[in-house]
PDB file of N, CA and C in Angstrom:
ATOM      1  N   UNK A   1     115.720  86.193 114.881  1.00  0.00           N
ATOM      2  CA  UNK A   1     114.880  86.180 113.660  1.00  0.00           C
ATOM      3  C   UNK A   1     113.988  84.951 113.589  1.00  0.00           C
ATOM      4  N   UNK A   2     112.683  85.110 113.480  1.00  0.00           N
ATOM      5  CA  UNK A   2     111.786  84.049 113.420  1.00  0.00           C
ATOM      6  C   UNK A   2     111.532  83.494 112.009  1.00  0.00           C
ATOM      7  N   UNK A   3     112.148  82.338 111.756  1.00  0.00           N
ATOM      8  CA  UNK A   3     112.197  81.745 110.404  1.00  0.00           C
ATOM      9  C   UNK A   3     111.015  80.798 110.106  1.00  0.00           C
ATOM     10  N   UNK A   4     110.029  80.773 110.977  1.00  0.00           N
ATOM     11  CA  UNK A   4     108.815  79.981 110.885  1.00  0.00           C
ATOM     12  C   UNK A   4     108.149  80.271 109.517  1.00  0.00           C
ATOM     13  N   UNK A   5     108.015  79.331 108.767  1.00  0.00           N
ATOM     14  CA  UNK A   5     107.351  79.509 107.374  1.00  0.00           C
ATOM     15  C   UNK A   5     105.748  79.588 107.640  1.00  0.00           C
ATOM     16  N   UNK A   6     105.157  80.536 107.101  1.00  0.00           N
ATOM     17  CA  UNK A   6     103.696  80.735 107.182  1.00  0.00           C
ATOM     18  C   UNK A   6     103.001  80.451 105.868  1.00  0.00           C
ATOM     19  N   UNK A   7     103.783  80.373 104.759  1.00  0.00           N
ATOM     20  CA  UNK A   7     103.277  80.011 103.527  1.00  0.00           C
ATOM     21  C   UNK A   7     104.410  79.495 102.649  1.00  0.00           C
ATOM     22  N   UNK A   8     104.194  79.128 101.446  1.00  0.00           N
ATOM     23  CA  UNK A   8     105.270  78.589 100.709  1.00  0.00           C
ATOM     24  C   UNK A   8     106.410  79.544 100.552  1.00  0.00           C
ATOM     25  N   UNK A   9     106.167  80.869 100.401  1.00  0.00           N
ATOM     26  CA  UNK A   9     107.197  81.805 100.210  1.00  0.00           C
ATOM     27  C   UNK A   9     107.406  82.969 101.259  1.00  0.00           C
ATOM     28  N   UNK A  10     106.737  82.815 102.307  1.00  0.00           N
ATOM     29  CA  UNK A  10     106.840  83.809 103.328  1.00  0.00           C
ATOM     30  C   UNK A  10     107.139  83.227 104.707  1.00  0.00           C
ATOM     31  N   UNK A  11     107.949  83.945 105.479  1.00  0.00           N
ATOM     32  CA  UNK A  11     108.300  83.545 106.902  1.00  0.00           C
ATOM     33  C   UNK A  11     107.811  84.611 107.805  1.00  0.00           C
ATOM     34  N   UNK A  12     107.477  84.249 109.024  1.00  0.00           N
ATOM     35  CA  UNK A  12     106.915  85.030 110.048  1.00  0.00           C
ATOM     36  C   UNK A  12     107.759  86.362 110.327  1.00  0.00           C
ATOM     37  N   UNK A  13     109.030  86.185 110.269  1.00  0.00           N
ATOM     38  CA  UNK A  13     109.884  87.398 110.616  1.00  0.00           C
ATOM     39  C   UNK A  13     109.686  88.494 109.598  1.00  0.00           C
ATOM     40  N   UNK A  14     109.291  88.234 108.364  1.00  0.00           N
ATOM     41  CA  UNK A  14     109.092  89.310 107.448  1.00  0.00           C
ATOM     42  C   UNK A  14     107.921  90.348 107.830  1.00  0.00           C
ATOM     43  N   UNK A  15     107.118  89.873 108.694  1.00  0.00           N
ATOM     44  CA  UNK A  15     106.002  90.693 109.161  1.00  0.00           C
ATOM     45  C   UNK A  15     106.115  91.236 110.626  1.00  0.00           C
ATOM     46  N   UNK A  16     107.211  90.970 111.152  1.00  0.00           N
ATOM     47  CA  UNK A  16     107.374  91.503 112.574  1.00  0.00           C
ATOM     48  C   UNK A  16     107.580  93.101 112.486  1.00  0.00           C
ATOM     49  N   UNK A  17     107.064  93.648 113.589  1.00  0.00           N
ATOM     50  CA  UNK A  17     107.114  95.064 113.796  1.00  0.00           C
ATOM     51  C   UNK A  17     108.589  95.488 113.756  1.00  0.00           C
ATOM     52  N   UNK A  18     108.879  96.545 113.002  1.00  0.00           N
ATOM     53  CA  UNK A  18     110.293  96.977 112.785  1.00  0.00           C
ATOM     54  C   UNK A  18     110.800  97.946 113.902  1.00  0.00           C
ATOM     55  N   UNK A  19     110.167  97.865 115.022  1.00  0.00           N
ATOM     56  CA  UNK A  19     110.588  98.742 116.175  1.00  0.00           C
ATOM     57  C   UNK A  19     111.639  98.032 117.084  1.00  0.00           C
ATOM     58  N   UNK A  20     112.026  96.805 116.729  1.00  0.00           N
ATOM     59  CA  UNK A  20     112.956  96.090 117.552  1.00  0.00           C
ATOM     60  C   UNK A  20     112.267  95.099 118.490  1.00  0.00           C
ATOM     61  N   UNK A  21     110.943  95.170 118.607  1.00  0.00           N
ATOM     62  CA  UNK A  21     110.240  94.326 119.513  1.00  0.00           C
ATOM     63  C   UNK A  21     110.039  92.848 118.933  1.00  0.00           C
ATOM     64  N   UNK A  22     110.054  92.871 117.611  1.00  0.00           N
ATOM     65  CA  UNK A  22     109.749  91.621 116.914  1.00  0.00           C
ATOM     66  C   UNK A  22     108.336  91.080 117.203  1.00  0.00           C
ATOM     67  N   UNK A  23     107.444  91.940 117.601  1.00  0.00           N
ATOM     68  CA  UNK A  23     106.056  91.527 117.792  1.00  0.00           C
ATOM     69  C   UNK A  23     105.430  91.348 116.420  1.00  0.00           C
ATOM     70  N   UNK A  24     104.426  90.511 116.354  1.00  0.00           N
ATOM     71  CA  UNK A  24     103.731  90.211 115.080  1.00  0.00           C
ATOM     72  C   UNK A  24     102.316  89.815 115.390  1.00  0.00           C
ATOM     73  N   UNK A  25     101.476  90.313 114.483  1.00  0.00           N
ATOM     74  CA  UNK A  25     100.097  89.929 114.483  1.00  0.00           C
ATOM     75  C   UNK A  25      99.696  89.805 113.059  1.00  0.00           C
ATOM     76  N   UNK A  26      99.092  88.708 112.584  1.00  0.00           N
ATOM     77  CA  UNK A  26      98.820  88.498 111.225  1.00  0.00           C
ATOM     78  C   UNK A  26      97.444  88.008 110.984  1.00  0.00           C
ATOM     79  N   UNK A  27      96.731  88.477 109.985  1.00  0.00           N
ATOM     80  CA  UNK A  27      95.437  87.916 109.532  1.00  0.00           C
ATOM     81  C   UNK A  27      95.819  86.918 108.475  1.00  0.00           C
ATOM     82  N   UNK A  28      95.146  85.720 108.531  1.00  0.00           N
ATOM     83  CA  UNK A  28      95.369  84.685 107.689  1.00  0.00           C
ATOM     84  C   UNK A  28      94.938  85.050 106.354  1.00  0.00           C
ATOM     85  N   UNK A  29      93.979  85.781 106.047  1.00  0.00           N
ATOM     86  CA  UNK A  29      93.552  86.221 104.744  1.00  0.00           C
ATOM     87  C   UNK A  29      94.754  87.017 104.021  1.00  0.00           C
ATOM     88  N   UNK A  30      95.447  87.796 104.762  1.00  0.00           N
ATOM     89  CA  UNK A  30      96.539  88.641 104.179  1.00  0.00           C
ATOM     90  C   UNK A  30      97.584  87.651 103.664  1.00  0.00           C
ATOM     91  N   UNK A  31      97.927  86.707 104.459  1.00  0.00           N
ATOM     92  CA  UNK A  31      99.047  85.748 103.974  1.00  0.00           C
ATOM     93  C   UNK A  31      98.525  85.024 102.739  1.00  0.00           C
ATOM     94  N   UNK A  32      97.227  84.522 102.779  1.00  0.00           N
ATOM     95  CA  UNK A  32      96.701  83.779 101.712  1.00  0.00           C
ATOM     96  C   UNK A  32      96.794  84.677 100.335  1.00  0.00           C
ATOM     97  N   UNK A  33      96.390  85.889 100.457  1.00  0.00           N
ATOM     98  CA  UNK A  33      96.389  86.741  99.260  1.00  0.00           C
ATOM     99  C   UNK A  33      97.793  87.082  98.796  1.00  0.00           C
ATOM    100  N   UNK A  34      98.703  87.353  99.811  1.00  0.00           N
ATOM    101  CA  UNK A  34     100.089  87.600  99.399  1.00  0.00           C
ATOM    102  C   UNK A  34     100.690  86.391  98.689  1.00  0.00           C
ATOM    103  N   UNK A  35     100.435  85.181  99.124  1.00  0.00           N
ATOM    104  CA  UNK A  35     100.981  84.007  98.509  1.00  0.00           C
ATOM    105  C   UNK A  35     100.387  83.829  97.079  1.00  0.00           C
ATOM    106  N   UNK A  36      99.160  84.126  96.906  1.00  0.00           N
ATOM    107  CA  UNK A  36      98.499  84.082  95.551  1.00  0.00           C
ATOM    108  C   UNK A  36      99.111  85.244  94.764  1.00  0.00           C
ATOM    109  N   UNK A  37      99.442  86.310  95.280  1.00  0.00           N
ATOM    110  CA  UNK A  37     100.093  87.398  94.491  1.00  0.00           C
ATOM    111  C   UNK A  37     101.512  86.991  94.160  1.00  0.00           C
ATOM    112  N   UNK A  38     102.216  86.338  95.048  1.00  0.00           N
ATOM    113  CA  UNK A  38     103.589  85.832  94.720  1.00  0.00           C
ATOM    114  C   UNK A  38     103.554  84.896  93.612  1.00  0.00           C
ATOM    115  N   UNK A  39     102.615  84.012  93.495  1.00  0.00           N
ATOM    116  CA  UNK A  39     102.533  83.083  92.450  1.00  0.00           C
ATOM    117  C   UNK A  39     102.175  83.814  91.091  1.00  0.00           C
ATOM    118  N   UNK A  40     101.337  84.695  91.139  1.00  0.00           N
ATOM    119  CA  UNK A  40     100.852  85.434  89.999  1.00  0.00           C
ATOM    120  C   UNK A  40     102.002  86.278  89.418  1.00  0.00           C
ATOM    121  N   UNK A  41     102.734  87.005  90.241  1.00  0.00           N
ATOM    122  CA  UNK A  41     103.821  87.884  89.821  1.00  0.00           C
ATOM    123  C   UNK A  41     105.085  87.033  89.471  1.00  0.00           C
ATOM    124  N   UNK A  42     105.240  85.894  89.997  1.00  0.00           N
ATOM    125  CA  UNK A  42     106.362  84.966  89.662  1.00  0.00           C
ATOM    126  C   UNK A  42     107.708  85.434  90.060  1.00  0.00           C
ATOM    127  N   UNK A  43     107.831  86.443  91.051  1.00  0.00           N
ATOM    128  CA  UNK A  43     109.060  86.954  91.637  1.00  0.00           C
ATOM    129  C   UNK A  43     108.899  87.115  93.108  1.00  0.00           C
ATOM    130  N   UNK A  44     109.913  87.147  93.812  1.00  0.00           N
ATOM    131  CA  UNK A  44     109.831  87.399  95.304  1.00  0.00           C
ATOM    132  C   UNK A  44     109.228  88.799  95.599  1.00  0.00           C
ATOM    133  N   UNK A  45     108.462  88.749  96.628  1.00  0.00           N
ATOM    134  CA  UNK A  45     107.739  89.952  97.218  1.00  0.00           C
ATOM    135  C   UNK A  45     108.546  90.307  98.399  1.00  0.00           C
ATOM    136  N   UNK A  46     109.040  91.563  98.486  1.00  0.00           N
ATOM    137  CA  UNK A  46     109.736  92.078  99.584  1.00  0.00           C
ATOM    138  C   UNK A  46     108.781  92.914 100.441  1.00  0.00           C
ATOM    139  N   UNK A  47     108.632  92.509 101.717  1.00  0.00           N
ATOM    140  CA  UNK A  47     107.734  93.182 102.664  1.00  0.00           C
ATOM    141  C   UNK A  47     108.521  94.279 103.465  1.00  0.00           C
ATOM    142  N   UNK A  48     108.185  95.492 103.110  1.00  0.00           N
ATOM    143  CA  UNK A  48     108.788  96.677 103.702  1.00  0.00           C
ATOM    144  C   UNK A  48     108.288  96.920 105.107  1.00  0.00           C
ATOM    145  N   UNK A  49     106.901  96.638 105.292  1.00  0.00           N
ATOM    146  CA  UNK A  49     106.308  96.869 106.557  1.00  0.00           C
ATOM    147  C   UNK A  49     105.148  95.926 106.661  1.00  0.00           C
ATOM    148  N   UNK A  50     105.054  95.167 107.765  1.00  0.00           N
ATOM    149  CA  UNK A  50     103.912  94.335 108.069  1.00  0.00           C
ATOM    150  C   UNK A  50     103.178  94.890 109.255  1.00  0.00           C
ATOM    151  N   UNK A  51     103.210  94.047 110.371  1.00  0.00           N
ATOM    152  CA  UNK A  51     102.639  94.501 111.549  1.00  0.00           C
ATOM    153  C   UNK A  51     103.305  95.683 112.233  1.00  0.00           C
ATOM    154  N   UNK A  52     102.479  96.532 112.788  1.00  0.00           N
ATOM    155  CA  UNK A  52     103.038  97.756 113.532  1.00  0.00           C
ATOM    156  C   UNK A  52     102.262  97.850 114.823  1.00  0.00           C
ATOM    157  N   UNK A  53     103.012  97.969 115.891  1.00  0.00           N
ATOM    158  CA  UNK A  53     102.350  98.293 117.175  1.00  0.00           C
ATOM    159  C   UNK A  53     101.759  99.668 117.124  1.00  0.00           C
ATOM    160  N   UNK A  54     100.754  99.960 117.890  1.00  0.00           N
ATOM    161  CA  UNK A  54     100.132 101.339 117.838  1.00  0.00           C
ATOM    162  C   UNK A  54     101.287 102.436 118.063  1.00  0.00           C
ATOM    163  N   UNK A  55     102.175 102.160 118.980  1.00  0.00           N
ATOM    164  CA  UNK A  55     103.249 103.147 119.323  1.00  0.00           C
ATOM    165  C   UNK A  55     104.117 103.318 118.097  1.00  0.00           C
ATOM    166  N   UNK A  56     104.558 102.279 117.424  1.00  0.00           N
ATOM    167  CA  UNK A  56     105.470 102.350 116.292  1.00  0.00           C
ATOM    168  C   UNK A  56     104.668 103.085 115.200  1.00  0.00           C
ATOM    169  N   UNK A  57     103.404 102.657 114.908  1.00  0.00           N
ATOM    170  CA  UNK A  57     102.660 103.275 113.929  1.00  0.00           C
ATOM    171  C   UNK A  57     102.567 104.812 114.060  1.00  0.00           C
ATOM    172  N   UNK A  58     102.325 105.276 115.328  1.00  0.00           N
ATOM    173  CA  UNK A  58     102.274 106.650 115.561  1.00  0.00           C
ATOM    174  C   UNK A  58     103.635 107.335 115.403  1.00  0.00           C
ATOM    175  N   UNK A  59     104.629 106.731 115.727  1.00  0.00           N
ATOM    176  CA  UNK A  59     106.035 107.225 115.630  1.00  0.00           C
ATOM    177  C   UNK A  59     106.433 107.504 114.163  1.00  0.00           C
ATOM    178  N   UNK A  60     106.023 106.672 113.293  1.00  0.00           N
ATOM    179  CA  UNK A  60     106.389 106.739 111.863  1.00  0.00           C
ATOM    180  C   UNK A  60     105.380 107.544 111.101  1.00  0.00           C
ATOM    181  N   UNK A  61     104.366 108.036 111.680  1.00  0.00           N
ATOM    182  CA  UNK A  61     103.292 108.851 110.975  1.00  0.00           C
ATOM    183  C   UNK A  61     102.326 108.026 110.258  1.00  0.00           C
ATOM    184  N   UNK A  62     102.056 106.797 110.700  1.00  0.00           N
ATOM    185  CA  UNK A  62     101.008 105.966 110.069  1.00  0.00           C
ATOM    186  C   UNK A  62      99.587 106.432 110.324  1.00  0.00           C
ATOM    187  N   UNK A  63      98.697 106.058 109.518  1.00  0.00           N
ATOM    188  CA  UNK A  63      97.275 106.464 109.660  1.00  0.00           C
ATOM    189  C   UNK A  63      96.830 105.946 111.065  1.00  0.00           C
ATOM    190  N   UNK A  64      95.923 106.809 111.706  1.00  0.00           N
ATOM    191  CA  UNK A  64      95.509 106.536 113.090  1.00  0.00           C
ATOM    192  C   UNK A  64      94.750 105.163 113.159  1.00  0.00           C
ATOM    193  N   UNK A  65      94.110 104.774 112.131  1.00  0.00           N
ATOM    194  CA  UNK A  65      93.329 103.473 112.105  1.00  0.00           C
ATOM    195  C   UNK A  65      93.986 102.505 111.031  1.00  0.00           C
ATOM    196  N   UNK A  66      95.317 102.538 110.954  1.00  0.00           N
ATOM    197  CA  UNK A  66      96.115 101.747 109.996  1.00  0.00           C
ATOM    198  C   UNK A  66      95.739 100.263 110.119  1.00  0.00           C
ATOM    199  N   UNK A  67      95.558  99.618 109.044  1.00  0.00           N
ATOM    200  CA  UNK A  67      95.391  98.201 108.935  1.00  0.00           C
ATOM    201  C   UNK A  67      96.565  97.444 109.432  1.00  0.00           C
ATOM    202  N   UNK A  68      97.779  98.069 109.381  1.00  0.00           N
ATOM    203  CA  UNK A  68      98.994  97.455 109.882  1.00  0.00           C
ATOM    204  C   UNK A  68      98.857  97.083 111.307  1.00  0.00           C
ATOM    205  N   UNK A  69      98.107  97.843 112.150  1.00  0.00           N
ATOM    206  CA  UNK A  69      98.053  97.519 113.571  1.00  0.00           C
ATOM    207  C   UNK A  69      97.110  96.420 113.820  1.00  0.00           C
ATOM    208  N   UNK A  70      96.348  96.002 112.841  1.00  0.00           N
ATOM    209  CA  UNK A  70      95.484  94.845 112.985  1.00  0.00           C
ATOM    210  C   UNK A  70      96.141  93.552 112.335  1.00  0.00           C
ATOM    211  N   UNK A  71      97.222  93.728 111.776  1.00  0.00           N
ATOM    212  CA  UNK A  71      97.906  92.600 111.123  1.00  0.00           C
ATOM    213  C   UNK A  71      97.178  92.239 109.790  1.00  0.00           C
ATOM    214  N   UNK A  72      96.563  93.230 109.202  1.00  0.00           N
ATOM    215  CA  UNK A  72      95.754  93.056 107.969  1.00  0.00           C
ATOM    216  C   UNK A  72      96.444  93.816 106.735  1.00  0.00           C
ATOM    217  N   UNK A  73      97.633  94.282 106.870  1.00  0.00           N
ATOM    218  CA  UNK A  73      98.251  95.120 105.755  1.00  0.00           C
ATOM    219  C   UNK A  73      99.720  94.851 105.592  1.00  0.00           C
ATOM    220  N   UNK A  74     100.220  95.018 104.451  1.00  0.00           N
ATOM    221  CA  UNK A  74     101.722  95.007 104.249  1.00  0.00           C
ATOM    222  C   UNK A  74     102.030  95.970 103.113  1.00  0.00           C
ATOM    223  N   UNK A  75     103.139  96.642 103.368  1.00  0.00           N
ATOM    224  CA  UNK A  75     103.794  97.538 102.208  1.00  0.00           C
ATOM    225  C   UNK A  75     104.838  96.673 101.577  1.00  0.00           C
ATOM    226  N   UNK A  76     104.595  96.496 100.240  1.00  0.00           N
ATOM    227  CA  UNK A  76     105.372  95.492  99.558  1.00  0.00           C
ATOM    228  C   UNK A  76     106.034  96.164  98.234  1.00  0.00           C
ATOM    229  N   UNK A  77     107.139  95.430  97.789  1.00  0.00           N
ATOM    230  CA  UNK A  77     107.673  95.904  96.516  1.00  0.00           C
ATOM    231  C   UNK A  77     108.167  94.575  95.901  1.00  0.00           C
ATOM    232  N   UNK A  78     108.277  94.715  94.475  1.00  0.00           N
ATOM    233  CA  UNK A  78     108.808  93.602  93.738  1.00  0.00           C
ATOM    234  C   UNK A  78     109.843  94.043  92.710  1.00  0.00           C
ATOM    235  N   UNK A  79     111.038  93.640  92.901  1.00  0.00           N
ATOM    236  CA  UNK A  79     112.049  94.106  92.034  1.00  0.00           C
ATOM    237  C   UNK A  79     111.674  93.906  90.510  1.00  0.00           C
ATOM    238  N   UNK A  80     111.824  95.096  89.810  1.00  0.00           N
ATOM    239  CA  UNK A  80     111.556  94.986  88.338  1.00  0.00           C
ATOM    240  C   UNK A  80     110.043  95.196  87.926  1.00  0.00           C
ATOM    241  N   UNK A  81     109.167  95.379  89.031  1.00  0.00           N
ATOM    242  CA  UNK A  81     107.764  95.557  88.766  1.00  0.00           C
ATOM    243  C   UNK A  81     107.399  96.883  89.370  1.00  0.00           C
ATOM    244  N   UNK A  82     106.713  97.746  88.658  1.00  0.00           N
ATOM    245  CA  UNK A  82     106.350  99.053  89.227  1.00  0.00           C
ATOM    246  C   UNK A  82     105.163  98.930  90.295  1.00  0.00           C
ATOM    247  N   UNK A  83     105.187  99.879  91.162  1.00  0.00           N
ATOM    248  CA  UNK A  83     104.032  99.804  92.202  1.00  0.00           C
ATOM    249  C   UNK A  83     102.620  99.799  91.487  1.00  0.00           C
ATOM    250  N   UNK A  84     102.471 100.468  90.369  1.00  0.00           N
ATOM    251  CA  UNK A  84     101.191 100.460  89.667  1.00  0.00           C
ATOM    252  C   UNK A  84     100.964  99.001  89.141  1.00  0.00           C
ATOM    253  N   UNK A  85     101.976  98.372  88.592  1.00  0.00           N
ATOM    254  CA  UNK A  85     101.670  96.977  88.168  1.00  0.00           C
ATOM    255  C   UNK A  85     101.443  96.037  89.322  1.00  0.00           C
ATOM    256  N   UNK A  86     102.014  96.243  90.439  1.00  0.00           N
ATOM    257  CA  UNK A  86     101.802  95.359  91.645  1.00  0.00           C
ATOM    258  C   UNK A  86     100.347  95.706  92.099  1.00  0.00           C
ATOM    259  N   UNK A  87      99.906  96.894  92.057  1.00  0.00           N
ATOM    260  CA  UNK A  87      98.488  97.258  92.535  1.00  0.00           C
ATOM    261  C   UNK A  87      97.610  96.497  91.664  1.00  0.00           C
ATOM    262  N   UNK A  88      97.731  96.494  90.314  1.00  0.00           N
ATOM    263  CA  UNK A  88      96.810  95.871  89.399  1.00  0.00           C
ATOM    264  C   UNK A  88      96.671  94.410  89.664  1.00  0.00           C
ATOM    265  N   UNK A  89      97.808  93.752  89.940  1.00  0.00           N
ATOM    266  CA  UNK A  89      97.854  92.241  90.262  1.00  0.00           C
ATOM    267  C   UNK A  89      97.257  92.067  91.627  1.00  0.00           C
ATOM    268  N   UNK A  90      97.483  92.978  92.574  1.00  0.00           N
ATOM    269  CA  UNK A  90      96.925  92.795  93.928  1.00  0.00           C
ATOM    270  C   UNK A  90      95.363  92.787  93.880  1.00  0.00           C
ATOM    271  N   UNK A  91      94.905  93.641  93.074  1.00  0.00           N
ATOM    272  CA  UNK A  91      93.366  93.722  92.930  1.00  0.00           C
ATOM    273  C   UNK A  91      92.821  92.393  92.289  1.00  0.00           C
ATOM    274  N   UNK A  92      93.644  91.866  91.315  1.00  0.00           N
ATOM    275  CA  UNK A  92      93.248  90.503  90.695  1.00  0.00           C
ATOM    276  C   UNK A  92      93.093  89.455  91.783  1.00  0.00           C
ATOM    277  N   UNK A  93      93.936  89.426  92.726  1.00  0.00           N
ATOM    278  CA  UNK A  93      93.989  88.385  93.765  1.00  0.00           C
ATOM    279  C   UNK A  93      93.003  88.597  94.939  1.00  0.00           C
ATOM    280  N   UNK A  94      92.404  89.796  94.893  1.00  0.00           N
ATOM    281  CA  UNK A  94      91.336  90.087  95.853  1.00  0.00           C
ATOM    282  C   UNK A  94      91.715  91.054  97.036  1.00  0.00           C
ATOM    283  N   UNK A  95      92.792  91.715  96.974  1.00  0.00           N
ATOM    284  CA  UNK A  95      93.103  92.689  98.036  1.00  0.00           C
ATOM    285  C   UNK A  95      92.017  93.797  97.895  1.00  0.00           C
ATOM    286  N   UNK A  96      91.516  94.181  99.051  1.00  0.00           N
ATOM    287  CA  UNK A  96      90.445  95.229  99.111  1.00  0.00           C
ATOM    288  C   UNK A  96      91.015  96.605  99.341  1.00  0.00           C
ATOM    289  N   UNK A  97      92.081  96.736 100.037  1.00  0.00           N
ATOM    290  CA  UNK A  97      92.794  98.007 100.241  1.00  0.00           C
ATOM    291  C   UNK A  97      94.059  98.032  99.420  1.00  0.00           C
ATOM    292  N   UNK A  98      94.167  98.971  98.465  1.00  0.00           N
ATOM    293  CA  UNK A  98      95.313  98.977  97.614  1.00  0.00           C
ATOM    294  C   UNK A  98      95.841 100.479  97.441  1.00  0.00           C
ATOM    295  N   UNK A  99      96.959 100.752  97.929  1.00  0.00           N
ATOM    296  CA  UNK A  99      97.546 102.110  97.722  1.00  0.00           C
ATOM    297  C   UNK A  99      98.915 102.123  97.039  1.00  0.00           C
ATOM    298  N   UNK A 100      98.973 103.072  96.135  1.00  0.00           N
ATOM    299  CA  UNK A 100     100.150 103.171  95.283  1.00  0.00           C
ATOM    300  C   UNK A 100     101.060 104.314  95.772  1.00  0.00           C
ATOM    301  N   UNK A 101     102.377 104.099  96.017  1.00  0.00           N
ATOM    302  CA  UNK A 101     103.275 104.999  96.442  1.00  0.00           C
ATOM    303  C   UNK A 101     104.510 104.992  95.408  1.00  0.00           C
ATOM    304  N   UNK A 102     105.362 106.036  95.623  1.00  0.00           N
ATOM    305  CA  UNK A 102     106.499 106.031  94.632  1.00  0.00           C
ATOM    306  C   UNK A 102     107.364 104.765  94.539  1.00  0.00           C
ATOM    307  N   UNK A 103     107.642 104.140  95.720  1.00  0.00           N
ATOM    308  CA  UNK A 103     108.515 103.012  95.751  1.00  0.00           C
ATOM    309  C   UNK A 103     107.931 101.657  96.197  1.00  0.00           C
ATOM    310  N   UNK A 104     106.634 101.689  96.555  1.00  0.00           N
ATOM    311  CA  UNK A 104     106.030 100.461  97.006  1.00  0.00           C
ATOM    312  C   UNK A 104     104.524 100.503  96.943  1.00  0.00           C
ATOM    313  N   UNK A 105     103.883  99.372  97.152  1.00  0.00           N
ATOM    314  CA  UNK A 105     102.452  99.277  97.104  1.00  0.00           C
ATOM    315  C   UNK A 105     101.961  98.848  98.468  1.00  0.00           C
ATOM    316  N   UNK A 106     100.898  99.443  98.945  1.00  0.00           N
ATOM    317  CA  UNK A 106     100.232  99.006 100.184  1.00  0.00           C
ATOM    318  C   UNK A 106      99.059  98.075  99.721  1.00  0.00           C
ATOM    319  N   UNK A 107      99.074  96.971 100.482  1.00  0.00           N
ATOM    320  CA  UNK A 107      97.902  95.965 100.233  1.00  0.00           C
ATOM    321  C   UNK A 107      97.309  95.652 101.589  1.00  0.00           C
ATOM    322  N   UNK A 108      95.927  95.514 101.632  1.00  0.00           N
ATOM    323  CA  UNK A 108      95.383  95.038 102.832  1.00  0.00           C
ATOM    324  C   UNK A 108      94.055  94.352 102.548  1.00  0.00           C
ATOM    325  N   UNK A 109      93.480  93.738 103.672  1.00  0.00           N
ATOM    326  CA  UNK A 109      92.258  92.894 103.538  1.00  0.00           C
ATOM    327  C   UNK A 109      91.162  93.533 104.423  1.00  0.00           C
ATOM    328  N   UNK A 110      91.102  94.847 104.425  1.00  0.00           N
ATOM    329  CA  UNK A 110      90.016  95.524 105.154  1.00  0.00           C
ATOM    330  C   UNK A 110      88.635  95.125 104.571  1.00  0.00           C
ATOM    331  N   UNK A 111      87.555  95.416 105.292  1.00  0.00           N
ATOM    332  CA  UNK A 111      86.177  95.006 104.855  1.00  0.00           C
ATOM    333  C   UNK A 111      85.725  95.751 103.687  1.00  0.00           C
ATOM    334  N   UNK A 112      85.978  97.091 103.581  1.00  0.00           N
ATOM    335  CA  UNK A 112      85.452  97.895 102.597  1.00  0.00           C
ATOM    336  C   UNK A 112      86.452  98.267 101.453  1.00  0.00           C
ATOM    337  N   UNK A 113      86.304  97.913 100.253  1.00  0.00           N
ATOM    338  CA  UNK A 113      87.262  98.223  99.175  1.00  0.00           C
ATOM    339  C   UNK A 113      87.610  99.668  99.063  1.00  0.00           C
ATOM    340  N   UNK A 114      88.881  99.985  98.986  1.00  0.00           N
ATOM    341  CA  UNK A 114      89.275 101.324  98.788  1.00  0.00           C
ATOM    342  C   UNK A 114      90.669 101.315  98.028  1.00  0.00           C
ATOM    343  N   UNK A 115      90.876 102.421  97.269  1.00  0.00           N
ATOM    344  CA  UNK A 115      92.126 102.601  96.597  1.00  0.00           C
ATOM    345  C   UNK A 115      92.671 104.035  96.742  1.00  0.00           C
ATOM    346  N   UNK A 116      93.996 104.118  96.678  1.00  0.00           N
ATOM    347  CA  UNK A 116      94.466 105.475  96.725  1.00  0.00           C
ATOM    348  C   UNK A 116      95.774 105.562  95.942  1.00  0.00           C
ATOM    349  N   UNK A 117      96.180 106.751  95.524  1.00  0.00           N
ATOM    350  CA  UNK A 117      97.500 106.995  94.788  1.00  0.00           C
ATOM    351  C   UNK A 117      98.196 108.079  95.417  1.00  0.00           C
ATOM    352  N   UNK A 118      99.250 107.880  96.145  1.00  0.00           N
ATOM    353  CA  UNK A 118     100.069 108.918  96.799  1.00  0.00           C
ATOM    354  C   UNK A 118     101.385 109.102  96.169  1.00  0.00           C
ATOM    355  N   UNK A 119     101.431 108.819  94.856  1.00  0.00           N
ATOM    356  CA  UNK A 119     102.728 109.043  94.176  1.00  0.00           C
ATOM    357  C   UNK A 119     103.001 110.521  94.040  1.00  0.00           C
ATOM    358  N   UNK A 120     104.195 110.927  94.175  1.00  0.00           N
ATOM    359  CA  UNK A 120     104.566 112.337  93.928  1.00  0.00           C
ATOM    360  C   UNK A 120     104.783 112.559  92.456  1.00  0.00           C
ATOM    361  N   UNK A 121     105.136 111.563  91.747  1.00  0.00           N
ATOM    362  CA  UNK A 121     105.315 111.695  90.282  1.00  0.00           C
ATOM    363  C   UNK A 121     104.401 110.722  89.529  1.00  0.00           C
ATOM    364  N   UNK A 122     103.378 111.275  88.837  1.00  0.00           N
ATOM    365  CA  UNK A 122     102.410 110.448  88.180  1.00  0.00           C
ATOM    366  C   UNK A 122     102.560 110.542  86.708  1.00  0.00           C
TER     367      UNK A 122
END
């Protein structure tokens, strides 16, 4: 497990591909905005998914052009904070890609702003 700190509240291992390879690719802007979000929310952010290899992304049914494969995205959750609330705060700190799901929020630093809501219960 790679315990290298990449910001005040995040370590490199949190963003490693979950396929067992421990590969990681990260965009500095993603970490900067996640750290700003962490300060704003005042609670730990749990990274469900960070970097994904193209093979792993395909295996789990990720979008063909997923920002995760570029190291520009994270699926996150915060205990006691709803995905909708996390999404609102994420936009405040400048995330350009924000997706709301039932149990987590997708955030990314893509070039073109976009939002989506894939909750099954709205």
